[in-house]
Amino acid sequence: MMQCHVCGSTQWKDGLVSEVFEVDGERVLVEDIPARVCVRCGEESFSRETTERIRRMVHGEARAVRTVAMPVFSYA
């Protein structure tokens, strides 16, 4: 049984999530990633296969489906 490394819960649900990654100093958005999501805290977990596919995609094996602008905030 998988345990959440953030809150310790063992309850998960399957879902599709979006995640921003930084690749060579550039931020890229990957949408519709299959993930297990902790029902208590929302922490996302990806399978090894999914992680590897994302890595290959963002390093040139796939083309972006679109480009979006995003607001940037500075906490400091």
N, C-alpha and C. Protein backbone atom coordinates (compact mmCIF):
# COMPACT_ATOMS: atom_id res chain seq x y z
N MET A 1 0.85 -1.18 0.00
CA MET A 1 0.00 0.00 0.00
C MET A 1 0.89 1.24 0.00
N MET A 2 0.57 2.17 -0.87
CA MET A 2 1.36 3.39 -1.01
C MET A 2 0.95 4.40 0.05
N GLN A 3 1.95 5.02 0.69
CA GLN A 3 1.70 6.02 1.72
C GLN A 3 2.20 7.37 1.23
N CYS A 4 1.41 8.41 1.43
CA CYS A 4 1.79 9.77 1.04
C CYS A 4 2.99 10.22 1.86
N HIS A 5 4.02 10.71 1.18
CA HIS A 5 5.22 11.15 1.91
C HIS A 5 5.03 12.52 2.55
N VAL A 6 3.92 13.20 2.25
CA VAL A 6 3.66 14.52 2.84
C VAL A 6 2.83 14.39 4.12
N CYS A 7 1.70 13.67 4.04
CA CYS A 7 0.78 13.62 5.18
C CYS A 7 0.60 12.23 5.79
N GLY A 8 1.12 11.20 5.12
CA GLY A 8 1.02 9.84 5.66
C GLY A 8 -0.24 9.09 5.29
N SER A 9 -1.15 9.72 4.58
CA SER A 9 -2.39 9.05 4.19
C SER A 9 -2.10 7.88 3.25
N THR A 10 -2.98 6.90 3.27
CA THR A 10 -2.86 5.78 2.34
C THR A 10 -4.03 5.76 1.35
N GLN A 11 -4.79 6.84 1.32
CA GLN A 11 -5.94 6.92 0.41
C GLN A 11 -5.58 7.80 -0.78
N TRP A 12 -5.72 7.23 -1.96
CA TRP A 12 -5.37 7.91 -3.21
C TRP A 12 -6.52 7.81 -4.19
N LYS A 13 -6.58 8.73 -5.11
CA LYS A 13 -7.52 8.64 -6.23
C LYS A 13 -6.73 8.88 -7.51
N ASP A 14 -7.19 8.28 -8.59
CA ASP A 14 -6.56 8.49 -9.89
C ASP A 14 -7.13 9.76 -10.50
N GLY A 15 -6.27 10.51 -11.18
CA GLY A 15 -6.73 11.73 -11.82
C GLY A 15 -5.77 12.20 -12.89
N LEU A 16 -6.14 13.28 -13.55
CA LEU A 16 -5.28 13.93 -14.53
C LEU A 16 -4.89 15.29 -13.96
N VAL A 17 -3.60 15.59 -13.99
CA VAL A 17 -3.11 16.83 -13.40
C VAL A 17 -2.26 17.58 -14.42
N SER A 18 -2.00 18.84 -14.13
CA SER A 18 -1.09 19.66 -14.92
C SER A 18 0.07 20.05 -14.03
N GLU A 19 1.25 20.15 -14.62
CA GLU A 19 2.45 20.44 -13.83
C GLU A 19 3.38 21.32 -14.65
N VAL A 20 3.99 22.32 -14.00
CA VAL A 20 4.99 23.17 -14.64
C VAL A 20 6.37 22.63 -14.27
N PHE A 21 7.22 22.42 -15.27
CA PHE A 21 8.58 21.94 -15.07
C PHE A 21 9.55 22.98 -15.60
N GLU A 22 10.74 23.03 -15.03
CA GLU A 22 11.78 23.90 -15.56
C GLU A 22 12.78 23.03 -16.31
N VAL A 23 12.96 23.33 -17.60
CA VAL A 23 13.84 22.56 -18.46
C VAL A 23 14.83 23.52 -19.11
N ASP A 24 16.10 23.35 -18.79
CA ASP A 24 17.14 24.23 -19.35
C ASP A 24 16.81 25.70 -19.15
N GLY A 25 16.33 26.05 -17.97
CA GLY A 25 16.02 27.44 -17.63
C GLY A 25 14.70 27.95 -18.17
N GLU A 26 13.95 27.12 -18.85
CA GLU A 26 12.66 27.53 -19.41
C GLU A 26 11.55 26.73 -18.75
N ARG A 27 10.46 27.40 -18.42
CA ARG A 27 9.32 26.71 -17.81
C ARG A 27 8.42 26.15 -18.90
N VAL A 28 7.99 24.91 -18.71
CA VAL A 28 7.08 24.27 -19.64
C VAL A 28 5.93 23.67 -18.85
N LEU A 29 4.76 23.70 -19.45
CA LEU A 29 3.56 23.15 -18.84
C LEU A 29 3.21 21.84 -19.52
N VAL A 30 2.99 20.81 -18.72
CA VAL A 30 2.53 19.53 -19.24
C VAL A 30 1.14 19.29 -18.65
N GLU A 31 0.16 19.09 -19.53
CA GLU A 31 -1.22 18.91 -19.09
C GLU A 31 -1.66 17.46 -19.20
N ASP A 32 -2.72 17.14 -18.49
CA ASP A 32 -3.37 15.82 -18.57
C ASP A 32 -2.43 14.67 -18.23
N ILE A 33 -1.64 14.85 -17.19
CA ILE A 33 -0.71 13.81 -16.73
C ILE A 33 -1.48 12.85 -15.83
N PRO A 34 -1.47 11.55 -16.14
CA PRO A 34 -2.11 10.60 -15.23
C PRO A 34 -1.32 10.52 -13.93
N ALA A 35 -2.04 10.65 -12.81
CA ALA A 35 -1.37 10.68 -11.51
C ALA A 35 -2.25 10.04 -10.45
N ARG A 36 -1.61 9.65 -9.37
CA ARG A 36 -2.33 9.28 -8.15
C ARG A 36 -2.30 10.53 -7.29
N VAL A 37 -3.44 10.89 -6.73
CA VAL A 37 -3.57 12.12 -5.95
C VAL A 37 -4.03 11.76 -4.54
N CYS A 38 -3.28 12.20 -3.55
CA CYS A 38 -3.64 11.94 -2.15
C CYS A 38 -4.97 12.63 -1.84
N VAL A 39 -5.91 11.88 -1.28
CA VAL A 39 -7.23 12.45 -1.00
C VAL A 39 -7.19 13.41 0.19
N ARG A 40 -6.17 13.29 1.04
CA ARG A 40 -6.09 14.17 2.21
C ARG A 40 -5.43 15.50 1.88
N CYS A 41 -4.25 15.48 1.24
CA CYS A 41 -3.50 16.73 1.06
C CYS A 41 -3.32 17.15 -0.40
N GLY A 42 -3.69 16.29 -1.35
CA GLY A 42 -3.58 16.65 -2.75
C GLY A 42 -2.22 16.42 -3.38
N GLU A 43 -1.30 15.83 -2.64
CA GLU A 43 0.02 15.52 -3.20
C GLU A 43 -0.14 14.59 -4.40
N GLU A 44 0.62 14.87 -5.46
CA GLU A 44 0.54 14.09 -6.69
C GLU A 44 1.71 13.13 -6.78
N SER A 45 1.46 11.95 -7.32
CA SER A 45 2.51 10.95 -7.50
C SER A 45 2.38 10.38 -8.90
N PHE A 46 3.53 10.30 -9.61
CA PHE A 46 3.56 9.77 -10.97
C PHE A 46 4.27 8.43 -10.98
N SER A 47 3.83 7.55 -11.85
CA SER A 47 4.52 6.27 -12.02
C SER A 47 5.88 6.52 -12.69
N ARG A 48 6.75 5.54 -12.61
CA ARG A 48 8.06 5.65 -13.27
C ARG A 48 7.88 5.82 -14.78
N GLU A 49 6.95 5.08 -15.35
CA GLU A 49 6.71 5.17 -16.78
C GLU A 49 6.24 6.56 -17.18
N THR A 50 5.35 7.13 -16.39
CA THR A 50 4.85 8.48 -16.67
C THR A 50 5.97 9.49 -16.54
N THR A 51 6.77 9.37 -15.49
CA THR A 51 7.90 10.29 -15.29
C THR A 51 8.86 10.23 -16.46
N GLU A 52 9.16 9.04 -16.94
CA GLU A 52 10.08 8.89 -18.07
C GLU A 52 9.47 9.47 -19.34
N ARG A 53 8.20 9.27 -19.56
CA ARG A 53 7.56 9.83 -20.76
C ARG A 53 7.59 11.36 -20.72
N ILE A 54 7.32 11.94 -19.56
CA ILE A 54 7.39 13.40 -19.42
C ILE A 54 8.81 13.88 -19.73
N ARG A 55 9.80 13.20 -19.18
CA ARG A 55 11.20 13.58 -19.41
C ARG A 55 11.51 13.59 -20.91
N ARG A 56 11.11 12.54 -21.60
CA ARG A 56 11.37 12.47 -23.04
C ARG A 56 10.61 13.56 -23.81
N MET A 57 9.38 13.81 -23.41
CA MET A 57 8.58 14.83 -24.09
C MET A 57 9.24 16.20 -24.01
N VAL A 58 9.59 16.61 -22.81
CA VAL A 58 10.10 17.98 -22.62
C VAL A 58 11.53 18.15 -23.10
N HIS A 59 12.21 17.05 -23.37
CA HIS A 59 13.58 17.13 -23.90
C HIS A 59 13.62 16.86 -25.39
N GLY A 60 12.51 17.09 -26.08
CA GLY A 60 12.54 17.11 -27.53
C GLY A 60 11.84 16.01 -28.28
N GLU A 61 11.30 15.00 -27.63
CA GLU A 61 10.65 13.92 -28.36
C GLU A 61 9.20 14.23 -28.72
N ALA A 62 8.71 15.38 -28.30
CA ALA A 62 7.34 15.79 -28.62
C ALA A 62 7.34 17.28 -28.91
N ARG A 63 6.33 17.71 -29.61
CA ARG A 63 6.16 19.13 -29.88
C ARG A 63 5.08 19.69 -28.98
N ALA A 64 5.26 20.93 -28.58
CA ALA A 64 4.23 21.59 -27.77
C ALA A 64 2.95 21.72 -28.59
N VAL A 65 1.82 21.52 -27.94
CA VAL A 65 0.53 21.64 -28.63
C VAL A 65 0.07 23.09 -28.73
N ARG A 66 0.59 23.94 -27.86
CA ARG A 66 0.30 25.37 -27.90
C ARG A 66 1.25 26.08 -26.94
N THR A 67 1.26 27.40 -27.01
CA THR A 67 2.06 28.23 -26.11
C THR A 67 1.10 29.13 -25.35
N VAL A 68 1.35 29.30 -24.05
CA VAL A 68 0.51 30.17 -23.23
C VAL A 68 1.39 31.15 -22.48
N ALA A 69 0.86 32.33 -22.24
CA ALA A 69 1.53 33.31 -21.39
C ALA A 69 1.01 33.10 -19.97
N MET A 70 1.88 33.34 -18.99
CA MET A 70 1.42 33.21 -17.61
C MET A 70 1.93 34.36 -16.76
N PRO A 71 1.10 34.81 -15.82
CA PRO A 71 1.54 35.87 -14.93
C PRO A 71 2.67 35.36 -14.03
N VAL A 72 3.59 36.25 -13.70
CA VAL A 72 4.71 35.91 -12.82
C VAL A 72 4.65 36.83 -11.61
N PHE A 73 4.74 36.24 -10.43
CA PHE A 73 4.72 36.98 -9.17
C PHE A 73 6.04 36.75 -8.45
N SER A 74 6.50 37.76 -7.75
CA SER A 74 7.70 37.62 -6.93
C SER A 74 7.31 37.69 -5.47
N TYR A 75 7.60 36.64 -4.73
CA TYR A 75 7.26 36.58 -3.31
C TYR A 75 8.11 37.54 -2.49
N ALA A 76 9.34 37.73 -2.91
CA ALA A 76 10.28 38.56 -2.14
C ALA A 76 9.93 40.03 -2.20
